[in-house]
N, C-alpha and C. Protein backbone atom coordinates (compact mmCIF):
# COMPACT_ATOMS: atom_id res chain seq x y z
N LEU A 1 -89.87 6.45 -58.35
CA LEU A 1 -89.05 6.99 -57.24
C LEU A 1 -89.62 8.48 -56.93
N ARG A 2 -89.84 8.62 -55.69
CA ARG A 2 -90.36 10.00 -55.39
C ARG A 2 -89.53 10.72 -54.50
N ARG A 3 -89.23 12.03 -54.85
CA ARG A 3 -88.29 12.92 -54.05
C ARG A 3 -89.20 13.43 -52.92
N ALA A 4 -88.39 13.48 -51.88
CA ALA A 4 -89.03 14.41 -50.62
C ALA A 4 -89.48 15.83 -51.02
N GLY A 5 -90.64 16.27 -50.90
CA GLY A 5 -91.21 17.43 -51.17
C GLY A 5 -91.57 17.68 -52.75
N ALA A 6 -91.69 16.57 -53.36
CA ALA A 6 -91.99 16.53 -54.70
C ALA A 6 -93.53 16.70 -55.00
N ASN A 7 -94.37 16.41 -53.92
CA ASN A 7 -95.84 16.41 -54.00
C ASN A 7 -96.43 17.66 -53.49
N GLY A 8 -95.52 18.86 -53.80
CA GLY A 8 -96.28 20.10 -53.47
C GLY A 8 -95.88 20.78 -52.04
N SER A 9 -95.21 19.93 -51.30
CA SER A 9 -94.88 20.43 -49.95
C SER A 9 -93.63 21.43 -50.13
N SER A 10 -93.64 22.22 -49.06
CA SER A 10 -92.69 23.25 -49.22
C SER A 10 -91.04 22.74 -48.88
N PRO A 11 -90.24 23.55 -49.29
CA PRO A 11 -88.76 23.02 -49.04
C PRO A 11 -88.30 22.79 -47.58
N SER A 12 -89.13 23.58 -46.67
CA SER A 12 -88.82 23.27 -45.24
C SER A 12 -89.41 22.00 -44.75
N ASP A 13 -90.47 21.44 -45.38
CA ASP A 13 -90.94 20.19 -44.91
C ASP A 13 -89.82 19.02 -45.24
N ARG A 14 -89.04 19.18 -46.06
CA ARG A 14 -88.14 18.07 -46.65
C ARG A 14 -87.29 17.57 -45.67
N MET A 15 -87.10 16.33 -45.68
CA MET A 15 -86.26 15.52 -44.81
C MET A 15 -84.80 15.99 -44.90
N VAL A 16 -84.09 15.89 -43.95
CA VAL A 16 -82.69 16.24 -44.19
C VAL A 16 -81.72 15.01 -44.28
N ALA A 17 -80.90 15.07 -45.51
CA ALA A 17 -80.29 13.84 -45.74
C ALA A 17 -79.20 13.45 -44.73
N THR A 18 -79.24 12.28 -44.57
CA THR A 18 -78.28 11.60 -43.61
C THR A 18 -76.75 11.37 -43.65
N GLY A 19 -76.41 11.34 -45.28
CA GLY A 19 -74.96 11.02 -45.55
C GLY A 19 -74.92 9.50 -46.03
N ILE A 20 -76.01 8.91 -45.74
CA ILE A 20 -75.96 7.29 -46.04
C ILE A 20 -76.44 7.02 -47.29
N ALA A 21 -75.98 6.00 -48.13
CA ALA A 21 -76.42 5.82 -49.28
C ALA A 21 -77.79 5.02 -49.55
N VAL A 22 -78.27 4.71 -48.42
CA VAL A 22 -79.59 4.03 -48.63
C VAL A 22 -80.66 4.41 -47.49
N GLY A 23 -81.92 4.30 -47.86
CA GLY A 23 -82.97 4.63 -46.94
C GLY A 23 -83.88 5.92 -47.37
N LEU A 24 -84.66 6.29 -46.67
CA LEU A 24 -85.59 7.37 -47.05
C LEU A 24 -84.69 8.63 -46.99
N ASN A 25 -83.85 9.00 -46.31
CA ASN A 25 -83.07 10.23 -46.30
C ASN A 25 -81.68 10.22 -46.91
N LYS A 26 -81.72 9.23 -47.90
CA LYS A 26 -80.46 8.87 -48.36
C LYS A 26 -79.61 10.09 -49.22
N GLY A 27 -78.23 10.20 -49.21
CA GLY A 27 -77.74 11.24 -50.19
C GLY A 27 -76.70 12.03 -49.41
N HIS A 28 -75.92 12.79 -50.07
CA HIS A 28 -74.94 13.70 -49.43
C HIS A 28 -75.62 14.77 -48.50
N ILE A 29 -74.90 15.18 -47.37
CA ILE A 29 -75.54 16.37 -46.70
C ILE A 29 -75.11 17.53 -47.38
N THR A 30 -76.07 18.31 -47.78
CA THR A 30 -75.78 19.58 -48.45
C THR A 30 -76.49 20.77 -47.81
N THR A 31 -76.13 22.04 -48.00
CA THR A 31 -76.69 23.05 -47.33
C THR A 31 -77.60 23.87 -48.67
N ARG A 32 -78.79 23.96 -48.28
CA ARG A 32 -79.76 24.62 -49.13
C ARG A 32 -79.29 26.23 -49.46
N ARG A 33 -79.29 26.52 -50.87
CA ARG A 33 -78.92 27.82 -51.16
C ARG A 33 -80.12 28.74 -51.27
N GLU A 34 -80.13 29.91 -50.75
CA GLU A 34 -81.20 30.80 -51.03
C GLU A 34 -81.18 31.46 -52.34
N LEU A 35 -82.06 30.94 -53.30
CA LEU A 35 -81.91 31.56 -54.60
C LEU A 35 -82.89 32.75 -54.82
N PRO A 36 -82.69 33.60 -55.69
CA PRO A 36 -83.50 34.86 -55.79
C PRO A 36 -84.66 34.14 -56.63
N LEU A 37 -85.94 35.01 -56.33
CA LEU A 37 -87.25 34.49 -57.18
C LEU A 37 -86.91 34.54 -58.64
N ALA A 38 -87.65 33.49 -59.27
CA ALA A 38 -87.55 33.40 -60.71
C ALA A 38 -88.61 34.56 -61.11
N PRO A 39 -88.33 35.25 -62.37
CA PRO A 39 -89.38 36.22 -63.08
C PRO A 39 -90.62 35.80 -62.91
N ALA A 40 -90.98 34.54 -63.21
CA ALA A 40 -92.46 34.04 -63.38
C ALA A 40 -93.03 34.17 -61.87
N ARG A 41 -92.29 34.21 -60.72
CA ARG A 41 -92.90 34.28 -59.53
C ARG A 41 -93.35 35.64 -59.17
N ARG A 42 -92.73 36.55 -59.90
CA ARG A 42 -93.16 38.09 -59.62
C ARG A 42 -94.44 38.33 -60.44
N LYS A 43 -94.83 37.38 -61.43
CA LYS A 43 -95.89 37.85 -62.16
C LYS A 43 -97.20 38.25 -61.44
N GLY A 44 -97.73 39.47 -62.01
CA GLY A 44 -98.91 39.97 -61.39
C GLY A 44 -98.67 40.99 -60.29
N PHE A 45 -97.33 41.35 -59.97
CA PHE A 45 -97.10 42.42 -58.97
C PHE A 45 -96.49 43.56 -59.72
N ALA A 46 -97.10 44.60 -59.53
CA ALA A 46 -96.59 46.03 -60.26
C ALA A 46 -95.52 46.43 -59.52
N GLY A 47 -94.52 46.93 -60.51
CA GLY A 47 -93.33 47.50 -59.87
C GLY A 47 -93.66 48.98 -59.64
N LYS A 48 -92.57 49.50 -58.92
CA LYS A 48 -92.81 50.96 -58.46
C LYS A 48 -93.13 51.88 -59.71
N ARG A 49 -92.41 51.74 -60.64
CA ARG A 49 -92.64 52.62 -61.91
C ARG A 49 -94.07 52.56 -62.37
N VAL A 50 -94.53 51.24 -62.76
CA VAL A 50 -95.95 51.03 -63.12
C VAL A 50 -96.93 51.53 -62.35
N LYS A 51 -96.63 51.29 -61.06
CA LYS A 51 -97.72 51.88 -60.16
C LYS A 51 -97.75 53.36 -60.08
N PHE A 52 -96.78 53.90 -60.29
CA PHE A 52 -96.61 55.40 -60.20
C PHE A 52 -97.40 55.85 -61.40
N VAL A 53 -96.97 55.35 -62.68
CA VAL A 53 -97.68 55.65 -63.96
C VAL A 53 -99.23 55.61 -63.74
N ARG A 54 -99.62 54.41 -63.33
CA ARG A 54 -101.03 54.09 -63.19
C ARG A 54 -101.82 55.19 -62.26
N ASP A 55 -101.16 55.49 -61.26
CA ASP A 55 -101.60 56.52 -60.27
C ASP A 55 -101.81 57.80 -60.89
N ILE A 56 -100.81 58.32 -61.74
CA ILE A 56 -100.89 59.44 -62.46
C ILE A 56 -102.15 59.50 -63.44
N ILE A 57 -102.03 58.39 -64.13
CA ILE A 57 -103.37 58.29 -65.01
C ILE A 57 -104.65 58.30 -64.45
N ARG A 58 -104.70 57.59 -63.11
CA ARG A 58 -106.11 57.75 -62.56
C ARG A 58 -106.25 59.02 -62.14
N GLU A 59 -105.35 59.81 -61.65
CA GLU A 59 -105.48 61.26 -61.29
C GLU A 59 -105.99 62.05 -62.56
N VAL A 60 -105.27 61.89 -63.63
CA VAL A 60 -105.73 62.75 -64.62
C VAL A 60 -107.07 62.50 -65.25
N ALA A 61 -107.11 61.20 -65.49
CA ALA A 61 -108.37 60.61 -66.35
C ALA A 61 -109.64 60.69 -65.53
N GLY A 62 -109.44 60.35 -64.24
CA GLY A 62 -110.55 60.40 -63.42
C GLY A 62 -111.19 58.80 -63.37
N LEU A 63 -112.51 58.79 -62.91
CA LEU A 63 -113.15 57.52 -62.95
C LEU A 63 -114.09 57.17 -64.41
N ALA A 64 -114.13 55.87 -64.79
CA ALA A 64 -115.02 55.62 -65.75
C ALA A 64 -116.48 55.92 -65.25
N PRO A 65 -117.26 56.15 -66.22
CA PRO A 65 -118.76 55.97 -65.83
C PRO A 65 -119.35 55.02 -64.91
N TYR A 66 -118.94 53.67 -65.10
CA TYR A 66 -119.41 52.78 -64.29
C TYR A 66 -118.92 52.80 -62.96
N GLU A 67 -117.58 53.40 -62.83
CA GLU A 67 -117.05 53.33 -61.53
C GLU A 67 -117.66 54.56 -60.70
N LYS A 68 -118.07 55.69 -61.44
CA LYS A 68 -118.81 56.68 -60.67
C LYS A 68 -120.21 56.11 -60.09
N ARG A 69 -120.71 55.30 -61.08
CA ARG A 69 -122.08 54.58 -60.47
C ARG A 69 -121.92 53.73 -59.25
N VAL A 70 -120.86 53.06 -59.34
CA VAL A 70 -120.37 52.10 -58.26
C VAL A 70 -120.09 53.02 -56.89
N THR A 71 -119.38 54.09 -57.11
CA THR A 71 -119.03 54.82 -55.89
C THR A 71 -120.34 55.55 -55.38
N GLU A 72 -121.15 56.01 -56.23
CA GLU A 72 -122.48 56.45 -55.76
C GLU A 72 -123.16 55.52 -55.03
N LEU A 73 -123.28 54.27 -55.47
CA LEU A 73 -123.93 53.06 -54.92
C LEU A 73 -123.41 52.85 -53.40
N LEU A 74 -122.01 52.92 -53.30
CA LEU A 74 -121.22 52.67 -51.92
C LEU A 74 -121.68 53.91 -51.07
N LYS A 75 -121.73 55.07 -51.56
CA LYS A 75 -122.04 56.29 -50.84
C LYS A 75 -123.43 56.06 -50.02
N VAL A 76 -124.39 55.42 -50.88
CA VAL A 76 -125.64 55.32 -50.31
C VAL A 76 -125.75 54.01 -49.29
N GLY A 77 -124.62 53.16 -49.48
CA GLY A 77 -124.64 52.06 -48.65
C GLY A 77 -125.27 50.70 -49.37
N LYS A 78 -125.28 50.77 -50.71
CA LYS A 78 -125.63 49.44 -51.37
C LYS A 78 -124.46 48.78 -51.84
N ASP A 79 -123.91 48.12 -50.94
CA ASP A 79 -122.71 47.45 -51.27
C ASP A 79 -122.86 46.33 -52.39
N LYS A 80 -124.00 45.48 -52.04
CA LYS A 80 -124.55 44.18 -52.90
C LYS A 80 -124.66 44.73 -54.40
N ARG A 81 -125.40 45.71 -54.59
CA ARG A 81 -125.72 46.43 -55.87
C ARG A 81 -124.48 46.79 -56.52
N ALA A 82 -123.53 47.67 -55.67
CA ALA A 82 -122.37 48.11 -56.35
C ALA A 82 -121.57 46.87 -56.93
N LEU A 83 -121.58 45.78 -56.15
CA LEU A 83 -120.99 44.46 -56.44
C LEU A 83 -121.45 43.98 -57.76
N LYS A 84 -122.81 43.96 -57.94
CA LYS A 84 -123.47 43.46 -58.98
C LYS A 84 -123.12 44.41 -60.32
N VAL A 85 -123.23 45.62 -60.11
CA VAL A 85 -122.84 46.61 -61.23
C VAL A 85 -121.47 46.39 -61.74
N ALA A 86 -120.61 46.33 -60.68
CA ALA A 86 -119.13 46.11 -60.98
C ALA A 86 -118.78 44.62 -61.68
N LYS A 87 -119.53 43.63 -61.29
CA LYS A 87 -119.30 42.30 -61.86
C LYS A 87 -119.86 42.23 -63.17
N LYS A 88 -120.77 42.81 -63.12
CA LYS A 88 -121.48 42.93 -64.81
C LYS A 88 -120.66 43.46 -65.77
N LYS A 89 -120.01 44.60 -65.33
CA LYS A 89 -119.19 45.31 -66.22
C LYS A 89 -117.72 44.56 -66.55
N LEU A 90 -117.12 43.98 -65.38
CA LEU A 90 -115.99 43.47 -65.55
C LEU A 90 -115.80 41.75 -65.73
N GLY A 91 -117.01 41.18 -65.57
CA GLY A 91 -117.12 39.87 -66.15
C GLY A 91 -117.00 38.66 -65.04
N THR A 92 -116.27 39.04 -63.98
CA THR A 92 -116.17 38.00 -62.88
C THR A 92 -116.39 38.40 -61.53
N HIS A 93 -116.81 37.53 -60.61
CA HIS A 93 -117.14 38.08 -59.28
C HIS A 93 -116.06 38.53 -58.53
N LEU A 94 -114.74 37.85 -58.70
CA LEU A 94 -113.61 38.26 -58.09
C LEU A 94 -113.04 39.72 -58.68
N ARG A 95 -113.15 39.92 -59.77
CA ARG A 95 -112.86 41.33 -60.53
C ARG A 95 -113.67 42.35 -59.78
N GLY A 96 -114.93 41.92 -59.65
CA GLY A 96 -116.15 42.86 -59.32
C GLY A 96 -115.69 43.22 -57.83
N LYS A 97 -115.42 42.31 -56.97
CA LYS A 97 -115.13 42.41 -55.62
C LYS A 97 -113.78 43.32 -55.45
N ARG A 98 -112.72 43.11 -56.14
CA ARG A 98 -111.60 43.89 -56.26
C ARG A 98 -111.80 45.35 -56.70
N LYS A 99 -112.76 45.45 -57.54
CA LYS A 99 -113.13 46.82 -57.99
C LYS A 99 -113.83 47.60 -57.12
N ARG A 100 -114.83 46.89 -56.39
CA ARG A 100 -115.55 47.46 -55.42
C ARG A 100 -114.76 48.06 -54.22
N GLU A 101 -113.76 47.08 -53.81
CA GLU A 101 -112.89 47.58 -52.56
C GLU A 101 -111.88 48.66 -52.92
N GLU A 102 -111.43 48.61 -54.31
CA GLU A 102 -110.52 49.62 -54.80
C GLU A 102 -111.20 50.98 -54.71
N LEU A 103 -112.45 51.07 -55.17
CA LEU A 103 -113.29 52.31 -55.10
C LEU A 103 -113.65 52.69 -53.62
N ALA A 104 -113.89 51.55 -52.94
CA ALA A 104 -114.18 51.94 -51.48
C ALA A 104 -112.93 52.67 -50.85
N ASN A 105 -111.69 52.13 -51.17
CA ASN A 105 -110.51 52.78 -50.67
C ASN A 105 -110.31 54.22 -51.15
N LEU A 106 -110.68 54.20 -52.31
CA LEU A 106 -110.40 55.63 -53.24
C LEU A 106 -111.39 56.64 -52.30
N MET A 107 -112.63 56.14 -52.01
CA MET A 107 -113.55 57.14 -51.37
C MET A 107 -112.90 57.45 -49.92
N ARG A 108 -112.41 56.50 -49.11
CA ARG A 108 -111.84 56.71 -47.92
C ARG A 108 -110.56 57.64 -47.90
N LYS A 109 -109.95 57.58 -48.99
CA LYS A 109 -109.01 58.70 -49.16
C LYS A 109 -109.40 59.96 -49.32
N MET A 110 -110.48 59.92 -50.23
CA MET A 110 -110.94 61.41 -50.41
C MET A 110 -111.78 61.89 -49.28
N ALA A 111 -112.13 61.30 -48.27
CA ALA A 111 -112.99 61.64 -47.12
C ALA A 111 -111.82 62.19 -46.23
N LYS A 112 -110.58 61.51 -46.23
CA LYS A 112 -109.55 61.96 -45.25
C LYS A 112 -109.20 63.50 -45.54
N LYS A 113 -109.04 63.54 -46.93
CA LYS A 113 -108.53 64.87 -47.35
C LYS A 113 -109.35 66.18 -47.16
């Protein structure tokens, strides 16, 4: 027995119940409740306080040596080499890309000031 929307489709794709006891859309007609997100759905998103604290730490501590090297490479225009350095230090391609982007944004902010 398979429920509508059980195979990964979103709740909006579900068929609306007809109020009839048989058929594909069998069952009582109900109104869907908007429930708050479960804590597990928030995982990975920093809250206001955490973001604030991390920004202060970044301001006080500055950049790590490898981050300084990556920023120098970005200044020269060697984006690919910057990615390679970040990737080697952080372990994965995606983390390297994120770090390169983060440092590029940091440099843009510095240039604006």
